Amino acid sequence: MATDSKGRDSRRVALVTGASRGIGKAIACHLARAGFDMAIGARTLHDGEEREHSSTVAKSDTTALPGSLEATARLIEQAGRRALPVYLDLLDRVSLGSATAIVLERWGRIDVLVNNGRYVGPGHMDQVLDTPVELIDLHFEANVMSPLILTKLVLPQMVERGFGVIINLASSSGTMDPPAPAGRGGWGLGYGASKAALHRIAGILAVELADSGIVAFNLSPGFIATERIAIDMGTFGFDASKGAPADVVGAVAAWLSTAPEAVSRNGQWIEAQPLCRELRLLPDWP
């Protein structure tokens, strides 16, 4: 075991939320290949457990989504790194504290936090008049408050060591109006408004912690072909065949977490697809 001057485990550790599938899974795998031991958080611990993922109040979808933390953990271990799956529900603040505590107790550090997970449920693709206010509350709880809580939980030990990376998965839905109403190629108010609020965190961290060795980024994936896009979103006007692979976001997240030159982008908005092309992080991707 590698240790620092105080005899503590010095292996780098990253925590990724929403790591059971899609972008979170890709980020976890790329960080593992970049040398991080991976704490991976989500609600889906085992295959077949994710059965409530409807995007609208008008229809309930209980078909099982592919992916789980145990499947992601196998890929991490195949990359030669340790994997620590932890149950983490963005609508349950107790689970945020317990998941973070487990990682810090087991491995003693969290060097990189990737706030990738988001609210999945009704209201995402509903129009304003059809969306109960309670569902907009859930969007803000999962997409804003939970990333902020996790950030506050990991920051003290990052500041103590003088190093840390916070990556918040951003979305153009928080910067622009939808091209069409929700459900017809656009998105719901809860998603767009909560992403807009999330976007403010990285820049403020960059200002307040500029001398602490902490960097923070808004990482915008662009349109990505994930399992949920393919299964759920076609009826709402989103064609998964036109999306980029999730590995694009994983490769950029790993670069932001390891490249010394990434520090110059502290607090900035990062477009994953153009940067991946510019730096040729995935040579086989056009």
Protein backbone atom coordinates (compact mmCIF):
# COMPACT_ATOMS: atom_id res chain seq x y z
CA MET A 1 0.00 0.00 0.00
CA ALA A 2 1.31 3.45 -0.95
CA THR A 3 1.48 5.83 2.01
CA ASP A 4 2.30 9.49 2.56
CA SER A 5 4.79 10.96 5.05
CA LYS A 6 2.27 10.45 7.88
CA GLY A 7 1.70 6.79 7.06
CA ARG A 8 -1.72 7.38 5.50
CA ASP A 9 -2.93 5.64 2.35
CA SER A 10 -1.91 7.96 -0.50
CA ARG A 11 -3.81 6.30 -3.34
CA ARG A 12 -6.08 8.80 -5.03
CA VAL A 13 -9.83 8.35 -4.54
CA ALA A 14 -12.77 9.65 -6.57
CA LEU A 15 -16.47 9.58 -5.72
CA VAL A 16 -18.93 9.58 -8.64
CA THR A 17 -22.69 9.80 -8.17
CA GLY A 18 -25.12 8.19 -10.59
CA ALA A 19 -22.44 5.64 -11.47
CA SER A 20 -24.67 2.65 -12.14
CA ARG A 21 -25.05 3.44 -15.84
CA GLY A 22 -24.61 6.05 -18.55
CA ILE A 23 -22.31 9.02 -18.09
CA GLY A 24 -21.55 8.24 -14.45
CA LYS A 25 -20.44 4.72 -15.30
CA ALA A 26 -18.19 6.02 -18.09
CA ILE A 27 -16.63 8.65 -15.83
CA ALA A 28 -15.95 6.07 -13.12
CA CYS A 29 -14.25 3.74 -15.60
CA HIS A 30 -12.08 6.49 -17.10
CA LEU A 31 -11.04 7.74 -13.67
CA ALA A 32 -10.11 4.18 -12.73
CA ARG A 33 -7.93 3.91 -15.83
CA ALA A 34 -6.37 7.24 -14.82
CA GLY A 35 -5.28 5.69 -11.51
CA PHE A 36 -8.12 6.46 -9.08
CA ASP A 37 -9.69 4.03 -6.67
CA MET A 38 -13.40 4.51 -7.21
CA ALA A 39 -16.22 5.07 -4.76
CA ILE A 40 -19.40 4.79 -6.83
CA GLY A 41 -22.79 5.90 -5.61
CA ALA A 42 -26.34 5.30 -6.86
CA ARG A 43 -29.63 3.73 -5.84
CA THR A 44 -29.20 0.70 -8.11
CA LEU A 45 -26.85 -1.65 -6.30
CA HIS A 46 -27.77 -4.80 -8.25
CA ASP A 47 -28.90 -5.48 -11.81
CA GLY A 48 -32.62 -5.09 -12.42
CA GLU A 49 -33.37 -2.90 -9.39
CA GLU A 50 -34.10 0.37 -11.23
CA ARG A 51 -37.78 0.01 -12.12
CA GLU A 52 -39.32 3.46 -11.66
CA HIS A 53 -37.98 5.92 -14.19
CA SER A 54 -40.97 7.60 -15.77
CA SER A 55 -40.26 11.13 -16.98
CA THR A 56 -43.87 12.27 -16.96
CA VAL A 57 -46.83 12.30 -14.59
CA ALA A 58 -48.99 10.93 -17.41
CA LYS A 59 -47.32 7.53 -17.60
CA SER A 60 -45.58 5.15 -15.22
CA ASP A 61 -42.68 3.10 -16.55
CA THR A 62 -41.51 0.20 -14.38
CA THR A 63 -39.39 -1.72 -16.89
CA ALA A 64 -35.94 -2.51 -15.54
CA LEU A 65 -33.12 -0.27 -16.74
CA PRO A 66 -29.80 -1.98 -17.49
CA GLY A 67 -26.84 -1.21 -15.26
CA SER A 68 -25.92 -1.34 -11.58
CA LEU A 69 -23.15 -0.43 -9.19
CA GLU A 70 -22.02 -4.05 -9.05
CA ALA A 71 -21.59 -4.07 -12.85
CA THR A 72 -19.64 -0.80 -12.78
CA ALA A 73 -17.51 -2.13 -9.91
CA ARG A 74 -16.48 -5.12 -12.02
CA LEU A 75 -15.24 -2.82 -14.78
CA ILE A 76 -13.27 -0.73 -12.29
CA GLU A 77 -11.62 -3.82 -10.84
CA GLN A 78 -10.80 -5.06 -14.34
CA ALA A 79 -8.91 -1.77 -14.75
CA GLY A 80 -6.82 -2.72 -11.72
CA ARG A 81 -8.35 -0.31 -9.19
CA ARG A 82 -10.40 -0.76 -6.04
CA ALA A 83 -14.17 -0.25 -6.24
CA LEU A 84 -16.41 0.73 -3.34
CA PRO A 85 -20.13 0.76 -4.18
CA VAL A 86 -22.19 2.87 -1.76
CA TYR A 87 -25.95 3.34 -1.69
CA LEU A 88 -26.68 6.99 -2.44
CA ASP A 89 -30.12 8.49 -3.06
CA LEU A 90 -30.11 12.16 -4.03
CA LEU A 91 -33.54 12.57 -2.42
CA ASP A 92 -32.33 11.17 0.90
CA ARG A 93 -29.91 13.49 2.68
CA VAL A 94 -29.08 10.84 5.29
CA SER A 95 -27.76 8.58 2.53
CA LEU A 96 -25.46 11.36 1.32
CA GLY A 97 -23.82 11.64 4.72
CA SER A 98 -23.58 7.90 5.27
CA ALA A 99 -22.13 7.24 1.80
CA THR A 100 -19.47 9.94 2.22
CA ALA A 101 -18.64 8.73 5.73
CA ILE A 102 -18.18 5.15 4.50
CA VAL A 103 -15.71 6.25 1.84
CA LEU A 104 -13.72 8.44 4.23
CA GLU A 105 -13.67 5.74 6.91
CA ARG A 106 -12.59 2.99 4.50
CA TRP A 107 -10.14 4.92 2.34
CA GLY A 108 -9.39 8.07 4.32
CA ARG A 109 -9.78 10.59 1.51
CA ILE A 110 -11.81 11.80 -1.46
CA ASP A 111 -9.70 13.69 -4.00
CA VAL A 112 -12.30 14.07 -6.74
CA LEU A 113 -16.07 14.47 -6.45
CA VAL A 114 -18.16 14.14 -9.61
CA ASN A 115 -21.75 15.27 -9.12
CA ASN A 116 -23.22 13.39 -12.04
CA GLY A 117 -26.44 11.94 -10.64
CA ARG A 118 -29.68 13.86 -11.08
CA TYR A 119 -33.39 13.58 -10.43
CA VAL A 120 -35.05 10.83 -12.45
CA GLY A 121 -38.83 10.83 -12.35
CA PRO A 122 -42.08 12.55 -13.27
CA GLY A 123 -41.90 16.26 -14.05
CA HIS A 124 -38.78 15.98 -16.16
CA MET A 125 -40.76 15.98 -19.40
CA ASP A 126 -43.97 17.66 -18.22
CA GLN A 127 -45.05 21.18 -19.07
CA VAL A 128 -45.48 23.82 -16.35
CA LEU A 129 -49.25 23.54 -15.95
CA ASP A 130 -49.00 19.76 -15.71
CA THR A 131 -46.17 19.68 -13.15
CA PRO A 132 -47.03 19.66 -9.42
CA VAL A 133 -44.83 22.07 -7.47
CA GLU A 134 -43.73 19.15 -5.31
CA LEU A 135 -41.98 17.61 -8.32
CA ILE A 136 -40.10 20.83 -9.01
CA ASP A 137 -39.00 20.68 -5.36
CA LEU A 138 -37.61 17.19 -6.02
CA HIS A 139 -35.63 18.46 -8.99
CA PHE A 140 -33.99 21.13 -6.85
CA GLU A 141 -33.34 18.70 -3.99
CA ALA A 142 -31.60 16.16 -6.24
CA ASN A 143 -29.96 18.48 -8.77
CA VAL A 144 -28.87 21.38 -6.54
CA MET A 145 -29.03 20.67 -2.83
CA SER A 146 -27.57 17.16 -2.94
CA PRO A 147 -24.51 18.15 -5.01
CA LEU A 148 -24.01 21.11 -2.69
CA ILE A 149 -24.30 18.91 0.41
CA LEU A 150 -21.83 16.39 -1.00
CA THR A 151 -19.46 19.20 -1.90
CA LYS A 152 -19.57 20.58 1.63
CA LEU A 153 -19.00 17.09 3.04
CA VAL A 154 -15.83 16.46 1.01
CA LEU A 155 -14.30 19.94 0.94
CA PRO A 156 -12.79 20.11 4.47
CA GLN A 157 -10.45 17.14 3.91
CA MET A 158 -9.60 18.44 0.43
CA VAL A 159 -8.64 21.83 1.86
CA GLU A 160 -6.60 20.12 4.58
CA ARG A 161 -4.53 18.28 1.96
CA GLY A 162 -4.40 21.26 -0.40
CA PHE A 163 -5.89 19.42 -3.35
CA GLY A 164 -9.34 18.60 -4.65
CA VAL A 165 -11.44 18.51 -7.81
CA ILE A 166 -15.19 19.14 -7.97
CA ILE A 167 -16.93 18.36 -11.26
CA ASN A 168 -20.61 19.22 -11.65
CA LEU A 169 -22.36 17.78 -14.69
CA ALA A 170 -23.92 20.75 -16.41
CA SER A 171 -26.58 21.06 -19.09
CA SER A 172 -27.47 23.57 -21.77
CA SER A 173 -31.04 23.27 -20.46
CA GLY A 174 -29.88 25.61 -17.68
CA THR A 175 -28.54 28.23 -20.09
CA MET A 176 -31.12 28.38 -22.88
CA ASP A 177 -34.83 28.07 -23.59
CA PRO A 178 -35.98 24.70 -24.95
CA PRO A 179 -36.47 24.42 -28.72
CA ALA A 180 -39.97 23.03 -28.17
CA PRO A 181 -42.38 22.36 -25.27
CA ALA A 182 -41.51 19.63 -22.78
CA GLY A 183 -42.40 16.23 -24.17
CA ARG A 184 -42.05 17.40 -27.78
CA GLY A 185 -38.30 17.92 -28.01
CA GLY A 186 -37.92 20.24 -25.03
CA TRP A 187 -37.58 19.77 -21.27
CA GLY A 188 -39.49 20.63 -18.13
CA LEU A 189 -39.04 23.69 -15.94
CA GLY A 190 -37.76 21.66 -12.98
CA TYR A 191 -34.83 20.30 -14.98
CA GLY A 192 -33.81 23.55 -16.64
CA ALA A 193 -34.20 25.72 -13.54
CA SER A 194 -32.39 23.31 -11.24
CA LYS A 195 -29.48 22.90 -13.66
CA ALA A 196 -29.21 26.69 -13.90
CA ALA A 197 -28.88 26.86 -10.10
CA LEU A 198 -26.29 24.07 -10.04
CA HIS A 199 -24.16 25.99 -12.53
CA ARG A 200 -23.49 28.77 -10.02
CA ILE A 201 -21.61 26.52 -7.58
CA ALA A 202 -18.35 25.91 -9.48
CA GLY A 203 -17.55 29.56 -10.13
CA ILE A 204 -18.18 30.57 -6.53
CA LEU A 205 -15.96 27.73 -5.29
CA ALA A 206 -13.23 28.87 -7.69
CA VAL A 207 -13.38 32.39 -6.25
CA GLU A 208 -13.58 31.44 -2.59
CA LEU A 209 -11.04 28.59 -2.67
CA ALA A 210 -8.60 29.98 -5.22
CA ASP A 211 -5.67 29.68 -2.80
CA SER A 212 -6.65 26.29 -1.36
CA GLY A 213 -5.65 23.96 -4.20
CA ILE A 214 -9.30 23.24 -5.04
CA VAL A 215 -10.60 23.44 -8.60
CA ALA A 216 -14.21 23.20 -9.75
CA PHE A 217 -15.78 22.82 -13.17
CA ASN A 218 -19.14 22.74 -14.91
CA LEU A 219 -18.79 19.85 -17.36
CA SER A 220 -21.42 19.95 -20.11
CA PRO A 221 -21.74 16.59 -21.89
CA GLY A 222 -23.80 17.68 -24.86
CA PHE A 223 -26.18 15.09 -26.25
CA ILE A 224 -24.95 11.65 -25.16
CA ALA A 225 -26.30 8.23 -26.10
CA THR A 226 -27.02 6.59 -22.75
CA GLU A 227 -29.15 3.59 -21.83
CA ARG A 228 -31.90 5.81 -20.48
CA ILE A 229 -31.94 8.03 -23.57
CA ALA A 230 -32.33 4.94 -25.74
CA ILE A 231 -35.05 3.35 -23.61
CA ASP A 232 -37.04 6.32 -22.32
CA MET A 233 -36.53 9.46 -24.36
CA GLY A 234 -37.34 8.52 -27.94
CA THR A 235 -41.03 9.23 -27.39
CA PHE A 236 -40.11 12.74 -26.21
CA GLY A 237 -38.19 13.67 -29.35
CA PHE A 238 -34.64 12.59 -28.45
CA ASP A 239 -32.94 10.15 -30.84
CA ALA A 240 -30.18 8.22 -29.08
CA SER A 241 -28.58 7.28 -32.40
CA LYS A 242 -27.52 10.93 -32.79
CA GLY A 243 -25.73 11.08 -29.44
CA ALA A 244 -22.02 10.89 -28.74
CA PRO A 245 -20.69 7.99 -26.64
CA ALA A 246 -20.55 8.42 -22.88
CA ASP A 247 -16.80 7.71 -23.06
CA VAL A 248 -16.36 11.27 -24.39
CA VAL A 249 -17.47 12.68 -21.03
CA GLY A 250 -15.48 10.08 -19.12
CA ALA A 251 -12.28 10.95 -20.93
CA VAL A 252 -12.73 14.69 -20.34
CA ALA A 253 -13.55 14.17 -16.65
CA ALA A 254 -10.36 12.14 -16.24
CA TRP A 255 -8.36 14.89 -17.99
CA LEU A 256 -9.84 17.58 -15.73
CA SER A 257 -8.92 15.47 -12.69
CA THR A 258 -5.32 14.76 -13.66
CA ALA A 259 -3.90 17.26 -16.18
CA PRO A 260 -1.90 20.11 -14.62
CA GLU A 261 -3.05 22.44 -17.40
CA ALA A 262 -6.70 21.87 -16.40
CA VAL A 263 -6.14 24.15 -13.40
CA SER A 264 -6.20 27.18 -15.71
CA ARG A 265 -9.86 26.38 -16.42
CA ASN A 266 -10.87 26.55 -12.75
CA GLY A 267 -14.46 27.70 -12.36
CA GLN A 268 -15.17 27.48 -16.07
CA TRP A 269 -17.82 25.88 -18.24
CA ILE A 270 -16.31 22.91 -20.10
CA GLU A 271 -17.94 21.57 -23.26
CA ALA A 272 -16.98 17.89 -23.25
CA GLN A 273 -17.34 17.06 -26.93
CA PRO A 274 -15.29 19.95 -28.43
CA LEU A 275 -12.58 19.54 -25.77
CA CYS A 276 -12.38 15.79 -26.36
CA ARG A 277 -11.83 16.46 -30.07
CA GLU A 278 -9.36 19.27 -29.45
CA LEU A 279 -7.18 17.18 -27.14
CA ARG A 280 -7.75 13.91 -29.03
CA LEU A 281 -8.64 12.14 -25.81
CA LEU A 282 -10.47 9.42 -27.77
CA PRO A 283 -8.50 8.95 -31.01
CA ASP A 284 -11.07 6.54 -32.43
CA TRP A 285 -13.98 8.95 -31.92
CA PRO A 286 -14.59 11.33 -34.86
